[in-house]
Amino acid sequence: MPKIRETSLDNKDKLIADLQRVIGDAEELMQATAHQTEGKVVELRDRIADNLREARHKLADAEASIRERTAEMARVTDDYVHDHPWSAIGAAAGVGLLVGMLISRR
């Protein structure tokens, strides 16, 4: 079970890191155009700055929410497996049988 939790968190961490990189790149682009003071450019830069600020807050909220839900799902699954070990073994065997059948068809 810890392996699944780690993989799930790794994927979410990668997504969050990618989004943070996009935000960082957008901030760099804004800094690169800082010397341009034309009306449209200034207006666009202000809108981008507002959107980036909002995106950073939403990203932080989403990260916290994802971590909480993942931890809760792992706890519920762990509790279920401890409370119903034979059902969990049967389900795992069924999934393994199904995957084996699909693989053997090739």
N, C-alpha and C. Protein backbone atom coordinates (compact mmCIF):
# COMPACT_ATOMS: atom_id res chain seq x y z
N MET A 1 0.80 -1.20 0.00
CA MET A 1 0.00 0.00 0.00
C MET A 1 0.85 1.27 0.00
N PRO A 2 1.94 1.32 0.76
CA PRO A 2 2.75 2.54 0.73
C PRO A 2 3.31 2.82 -0.66
N LYS A 3 3.58 1.79 -1.47
CA LYS A 3 4.12 1.99 -2.82
C LYS A 3 3.10 2.73 -3.69
N ILE A 4 1.83 2.37 -3.60
CA ILE A 4 0.78 3.03 -4.37
C ILE A 4 0.67 4.49 -3.92
N ARG A 5 0.70 4.71 -2.65
CA ARG A 5 0.60 6.07 -2.11
C ARG A 5 1.77 6.92 -2.60
N GLU A 6 2.98 6.34 -2.59
CA GLU A 6 4.16 7.07 -3.04
C GLU A 6 4.06 7.41 -4.52
N THR A 7 3.61 6.45 -5.35
CA THR A 7 3.48 6.68 -6.78
C THR A 7 2.46 7.76 -7.06
N SER A 8 1.33 7.70 -6.36
CA SER A 8 0.29 8.69 -6.54
C SER A 8 0.79 10.08 -6.16
N LEU A 9 1.48 10.17 -5.05
CA LEU A 9 2.02 11.46 -4.62
C LEU A 9 3.12 11.94 -5.57
N ASP A 10 3.92 11.01 -6.09
CA ASP A 10 4.97 11.40 -7.05
C ASP A 10 4.36 12.03 -8.30
N ASN A 11 3.29 11.42 -8.82
CA ASN A 11 2.62 11.96 -10.01
C ASN A 11 2.04 13.34 -9.73
N LYS A 12 1.42 13.49 -8.59
CA LYS A 12 0.83 14.78 -8.23
C LYS A 12 1.92 15.82 -8.00
N ASP A 13 3.02 15.40 -7.38
CA ASP A 13 4.14 16.33 -7.17
C ASP A 13 4.71 16.78 -8.51
N LYS A 14 4.79 15.87 -9.48
CA LYS A 14 5.31 16.22 -10.79
C LYS A 14 4.38 17.22 -11.48
N LEU A 15 3.07 16.99 -11.38
CA LEU A 15 2.11 17.93 -11.97
C LEU A 15 2.23 19.30 -11.33
N ILE A 16 2.33 19.34 -10.03
CA ILE A 16 2.45 20.61 -9.31
C ILE A 16 3.75 21.30 -9.70
N ALA A 17 4.84 20.54 -9.81
CA ALA A 17 6.13 21.12 -10.22
C ALA A 17 6.05 21.69 -11.63
N ASP A 18 5.35 20.97 -12.52
CA ASP A 18 5.19 21.46 -13.89
C ASP A 18 4.40 22.76 -13.92
N LEU A 19 3.34 22.83 -13.15
CA LEU A 19 2.54 24.06 -13.11
C LEU A 19 3.33 25.21 -12.51
N GLN A 20 4.12 24.92 -11.49
CA GLN A 20 4.96 25.96 -10.90
C GLN A 20 5.99 26.46 -11.91
N ARG A 21 6.50 25.55 -12.73
CA ARG A 21 7.47 25.94 -13.75
C ARG A 21 6.81 26.85 -14.79
N VAL A 22 5.56 26.54 -15.18
CA VAL A 22 4.84 27.38 -16.14
C VAL A 22 4.62 28.77 -15.55
N ILE A 23 4.25 28.83 -14.28
CA ILE A 23 4.05 30.12 -13.63
C ILE A 23 5.38 30.89 -13.60
N GLY A 24 6.45 30.20 -13.28
CA GLY A 24 7.77 30.85 -13.26
C GLY A 24 8.16 31.38 -14.63
N ASP A 25 7.88 30.60 -15.68
CA ASP A 25 8.19 31.05 -17.04
C ASP A 25 7.38 32.28 -17.41
N ALA A 26 6.12 32.31 -17.03
CA ALA A 26 5.27 33.47 -17.31
C ALA A 26 5.78 34.70 -16.56
N GLU A 27 6.24 34.50 -15.34
CA GLU A 27 6.81 35.63 -14.58
C GLU A 27 8.08 36.14 -15.25
N GLU A 28 8.90 35.24 -15.76
CA GLU A 28 10.11 35.64 -16.49
C GLU A 28 9.76 36.45 -17.73
N LEU A 29 8.74 36.00 -18.44
CA LEU A 29 8.29 36.71 -19.63
C LEU A 29 7.82 38.12 -19.27
N MET A 30 7.13 38.24 -18.16
CA MET A 30 6.69 39.56 -17.72
C MET A 30 7.88 40.45 -17.40
N GLN A 31 8.89 39.90 -16.76
CA GLN A 31 10.08 40.68 -16.44
C GLN A 31 10.83 41.09 -17.71
N ALA A 32 10.83 40.22 -18.71
CA ALA A 32 11.53 40.52 -19.95
C ALA A 32 10.85 41.66 -20.72
N THR A 33 9.55 41.81 -20.51
CA THR A 33 8.82 42.88 -21.21
C THR A 33 8.58 44.09 -20.32
N ALA A 34 9.25 44.13 -19.18
CA ALA A 34 9.04 45.22 -18.22
C ALA A 34 9.39 46.58 -18.81
N HIS A 35 10.34 46.64 -19.73
CA HIS A 35 10.77 47.91 -20.31
C HIS A 35 9.78 48.48 -21.32
N GLN A 36 8.87 47.66 -21.78
CA GLN A 36 7.87 48.13 -22.75
C GLN A 36 6.74 48.82 -22.00
N THR A 37 6.47 50.05 -22.34
CA THR A 37 5.49 50.84 -21.59
C THR A 37 4.30 51.27 -22.44
N GLU A 38 4.08 50.61 -23.57
CA GLU A 38 2.93 50.93 -24.40
C GLU A 38 1.66 50.54 -23.66
N GLY A 39 0.57 51.23 -23.94
CA GLY A 39 -0.69 51.03 -23.23
C GLY A 39 -1.17 49.59 -23.19
N LYS A 40 -1.22 48.95 -24.35
CA LYS A 40 -1.71 47.56 -24.42
C LYS A 40 -0.80 46.61 -23.66
N VAL A 41 0.51 46.81 -23.76
CA VAL A 41 1.47 45.93 -23.10
C VAL A 41 1.34 46.06 -21.58
N VAL A 42 1.22 47.26 -21.09
CA VAL A 42 1.08 47.49 -19.65
C VAL A 42 -0.21 46.86 -19.15
N GLU A 43 -1.28 47.05 -19.89
CA GLU A 43 -2.58 46.47 -19.50
C GLU A 43 -2.50 44.95 -19.48
N LEU A 44 -1.88 44.38 -20.50
CA LEU A 44 -1.74 42.92 -20.58
C LEU A 44 -0.87 42.39 -19.44
N ARG A 45 0.22 43.08 -19.14
CA ARG A 45 1.10 42.66 -18.05
C ARG A 45 0.36 42.68 -16.72
N ASP A 46 -0.48 43.69 -16.50
CA ASP A 46 -1.26 43.77 -15.26
C ASP A 46 -2.23 42.61 -15.16
N ARG A 47 -2.89 42.30 -16.26
CA ARG A 47 -3.83 41.16 -16.25
C ARG A 47 -3.09 39.86 -16.00
N ILE A 48 -1.94 39.69 -16.64
CA ILE A 48 -1.15 38.47 -16.45
C ILE A 48 -0.69 38.37 -14.99
N ALA A 49 -0.26 39.48 -14.43
CA ALA A 49 0.19 39.46 -13.02
C ALA A 49 -0.96 39.04 -12.10
N ASP A 50 -2.15 39.58 -12.34
CA ASP A 50 -3.31 39.19 -11.53
C ASP A 50 -3.63 37.71 -11.70
N ASN A 51 -3.61 37.24 -12.94
CA ASN A 51 -3.90 35.83 -13.20
C ASN A 51 -2.85 34.91 -12.59
N LEU A 52 -1.59 35.31 -12.63
CA LEU A 52 -0.54 34.49 -12.03
C LEU A 52 -0.69 34.42 -10.52
N ARG A 53 -1.01 35.53 -9.91
CA ARG A 53 -1.22 35.56 -8.46
C ARG A 53 -2.36 34.62 -8.08
N GLU A 54 -3.45 34.70 -8.84
CA GLU A 54 -4.60 33.84 -8.58
C GLU A 54 -4.24 32.37 -8.82
N ALA A 55 -3.48 32.11 -9.89
CA ALA A 55 -3.08 30.73 -10.20
C ALA A 55 -2.21 30.15 -9.09
N ARG A 56 -1.30 30.96 -8.55
CA ARG A 56 -0.45 30.48 -7.45
C ARG A 56 -1.29 30.09 -6.24
N HIS A 57 -2.29 30.91 -5.91
CA HIS A 57 -3.15 30.60 -4.76
C HIS A 57 -3.97 29.34 -5.02
N LYS A 58 -4.52 29.23 -6.22
CA LYS A 58 -5.32 28.05 -6.54
C LYS A 58 -4.45 26.80 -6.55
N LEU A 59 -3.23 26.92 -7.05
CA LEU A 59 -2.32 25.78 -7.07
C LEU A 59 -1.99 25.32 -5.65
N ALA A 60 -1.76 26.25 -4.76
CA ALA A 60 -1.47 25.90 -3.36
C ALA A 60 -2.68 25.22 -2.73
N ASP A 61 -3.87 25.74 -3.00
CA ASP A 61 -5.09 25.12 -2.46
C ASP A 61 -5.29 23.72 -3.03
N ALA A 62 -5.06 23.58 -4.34
CA ALA A 62 -5.24 22.28 -4.98
C ALA A 62 -4.23 21.27 -4.43
N GLU A 63 -3.01 21.71 -4.23
CA GLU A 63 -1.97 20.82 -3.70
C GLU A 63 -2.38 20.30 -2.33
N ALA A 64 -2.83 21.19 -1.47
CA ALA A 64 -3.25 20.77 -0.12
C ALA A 64 -4.44 19.82 -0.20
N SER A 65 -5.38 20.13 -1.06
CA SER A 65 -6.58 19.29 -1.20
C SER A 65 -6.22 17.90 -1.73
N ILE A 66 -5.35 17.85 -2.73
CA ILE A 66 -4.94 16.57 -3.30
C ILE A 66 -4.23 15.72 -2.26
N ARG A 67 -3.35 16.34 -1.51
CA ARG A 67 -2.63 15.59 -0.47
C ARG A 67 -3.59 15.05 0.60
N GLU A 68 -4.55 15.86 1.00
CA GLU A 68 -5.53 15.42 2.01
C GLU A 68 -6.37 14.26 1.48
N ARG A 69 -6.86 14.39 0.25
CA ARG A 69 -7.71 13.34 -0.32
C ARG A 69 -6.91 12.05 -0.53
N THR A 70 -5.67 12.17 -0.98
CA THR A 70 -4.85 10.99 -1.19
C THR A 70 -4.58 10.27 0.13
N ALA A 71 -4.27 11.03 1.14
CA ALA A 71 -4.02 10.43 2.46
C ALA A 71 -5.29 9.77 2.99
N GLU A 72 -6.43 10.41 2.81
CA GLU A 72 -7.69 9.84 3.28
C GLU A 72 -8.04 8.57 2.51
N MET A 73 -7.84 8.57 1.20
CA MET A 73 -8.11 7.37 0.40
C MET A 73 -7.20 6.23 0.82
N ALA A 74 -5.96 6.53 1.10
CA ALA A 74 -5.02 5.49 1.53
C ALA A 74 -5.45 4.93 2.88
N ARG A 75 -5.88 5.80 3.79
CA ARG A 75 -6.34 5.33 5.11
C ARG A 75 -7.58 4.45 4.98
N VAL A 76 -8.54 4.88 4.17
CA VAL A 76 -9.77 4.10 3.99
C VAL A 76 -9.46 2.74 3.37
N THR A 77 -8.60 2.73 2.36
CA THR A 77 -8.23 1.47 1.72
C THR A 77 -7.51 0.55 2.71
N ASP A 78 -6.60 1.11 3.47
CA ASP A 78 -5.87 0.32 4.47
C ASP A 78 -6.82 -0.25 5.51
N ASP A 79 -7.75 0.56 5.99
CA ASP A 79 -8.74 0.09 6.96
C ASP A 79 -9.59 -1.04 6.37
N TYR A 80 -10.03 -0.87 5.13
CA TYR A 80 -10.86 -1.90 4.49
C TYR A 80 -10.10 -3.21 4.36
N VAL A 81 -8.85 -3.13 3.92
CA VAL A 81 -8.06 -4.34 3.74
C VAL A 81 -7.83 -5.03 5.08
N HIS A 82 -7.61 -4.27 6.13
CA HIS A 82 -7.44 -4.88 7.46
C HIS A 82 -8.73 -5.47 7.99
N ASP A 83 -9.86 -4.83 7.70
CA ASP A 83 -11.16 -5.32 8.17
C ASP A 83 -11.67 -6.50 7.34
N HIS A 84 -11.33 -6.55 6.05
CA HIS A 84 -11.83 -7.58 5.13
C HIS A 84 -10.68 -8.14 4.29
N PRO A 85 -9.75 -8.85 4.93
CA PRO A 85 -8.57 -9.30 4.17
C PRO A 85 -8.91 -10.29 3.06
N TRP A 86 -9.87 -11.18 3.28
CA TRP A 86 -10.17 -12.18 2.24
C TRP A 86 -10.86 -11.55 1.04
N SER A 87 -11.67 -10.56 1.28
CA SER A 87 -12.29 -9.85 0.15
C SER A 87 -11.23 -9.14 -0.68
N ALA A 88 -10.29 -8.53 0.01
CA ALA A 88 -9.21 -7.83 -0.69
C ALA A 88 -8.35 -8.81 -1.49
N ILE A 89 -8.07 -9.97 -0.91
CA ILE A 89 -7.28 -10.99 -1.62
C ILE A 89 -8.05 -11.49 -2.84
N GLY A 90 -9.35 -11.71 -2.67
CA GLY A 90 -10.18 -12.16 -3.80
C GLY A 90 -10.22 -11.14 -4.91
N ALA A 91 -10.38 -9.87 -4.56
CA ALA A 91 -10.42 -8.81 -5.57
C ALA A 91 -9.08 -8.72 -6.29
N ALA A 92 -7.99 -8.80 -5.55
CA ALA A 92 -6.66 -8.73 -6.17
C ALA A 92 -6.44 -9.93 -7.08
N ALA A 93 -6.90 -11.11 -6.66
CA ALA A 93 -6.75 -12.31 -7.50
C ALA A 93 -7.58 -12.16 -8.77
N GLY A 94 -8.78 -11.63 -8.65
CA GLY A 94 -9.64 -11.42 -9.82
C GLY A 94 -9.02 -10.45 -10.81
N VAL A 95 -8.49 -9.36 -10.31
CA VAL A 95 -7.83 -8.38 -11.18
C VAL A 95 -6.60 -9.01 -11.83
N GLY A 96 -5.83 -9.77 -11.05
CA GLY A 96 -4.66 -10.45 -11.60
C GLY A 96 -5.04 -11.44 -12.69
N LEU A 97 -6.12 -12.18 -12.47
CA LEU A 97 -6.59 -13.15 -13.47
C LEU A 97 -7.01 -12.42 -14.74
N LEU A 98 -7.74 -11.34 -14.60
CA LEU A 98 -8.20 -10.57 -15.74
C LEU A 98 -7.02 -9.99 -16.53
N VAL A 99 -6.06 -9.42 -15.84
CA VAL A 99 -4.87 -8.87 -16.50
C VAL A 99 -4.09 -9.98 -17.19
N GLY A 100 -3.97 -11.12 -16.54
CA GLY A 100 -3.28 -12.27 -17.14
C GLY A 100 -3.95 -12.74 -18.40
N MET A 101 -5.28 -12.79 -18.39
CA MET A 101 -6.02 -13.20 -19.58
C MET A 101 -5.82 -12.20 -20.72
N LEU A 102 -5.86 -10.92 -20.39
CA LEU A 102 -5.66 -9.90 -21.42
C LEU A 102 -4.27 -9.95 -22.02
N ILE A 103 -3.29 -10.18 -21.18
CA ILE A 103 -1.90 -10.26 -21.65
C ILE A 103 -1.69 -11.50 -22.51
N SER A 104 -2.30 -12.60 -22.12
CA SER A 104 -2.08 -13.86 -22.86
C SER A 104 -2.76 -13.85 -24.23
N ARG A 105 -3.69 -12.97 -24.48
CA ARG A 105 -4.37 -12.88 -25.77
C ARG A 105 -3.47 -12.36 -26.87
N ARG A 106 -2.43 -11.68 -26.52
CA ARG A 106 -1.52 -11.12 -27.54
C ARG A 106 -0.81 -12.21 -28.18
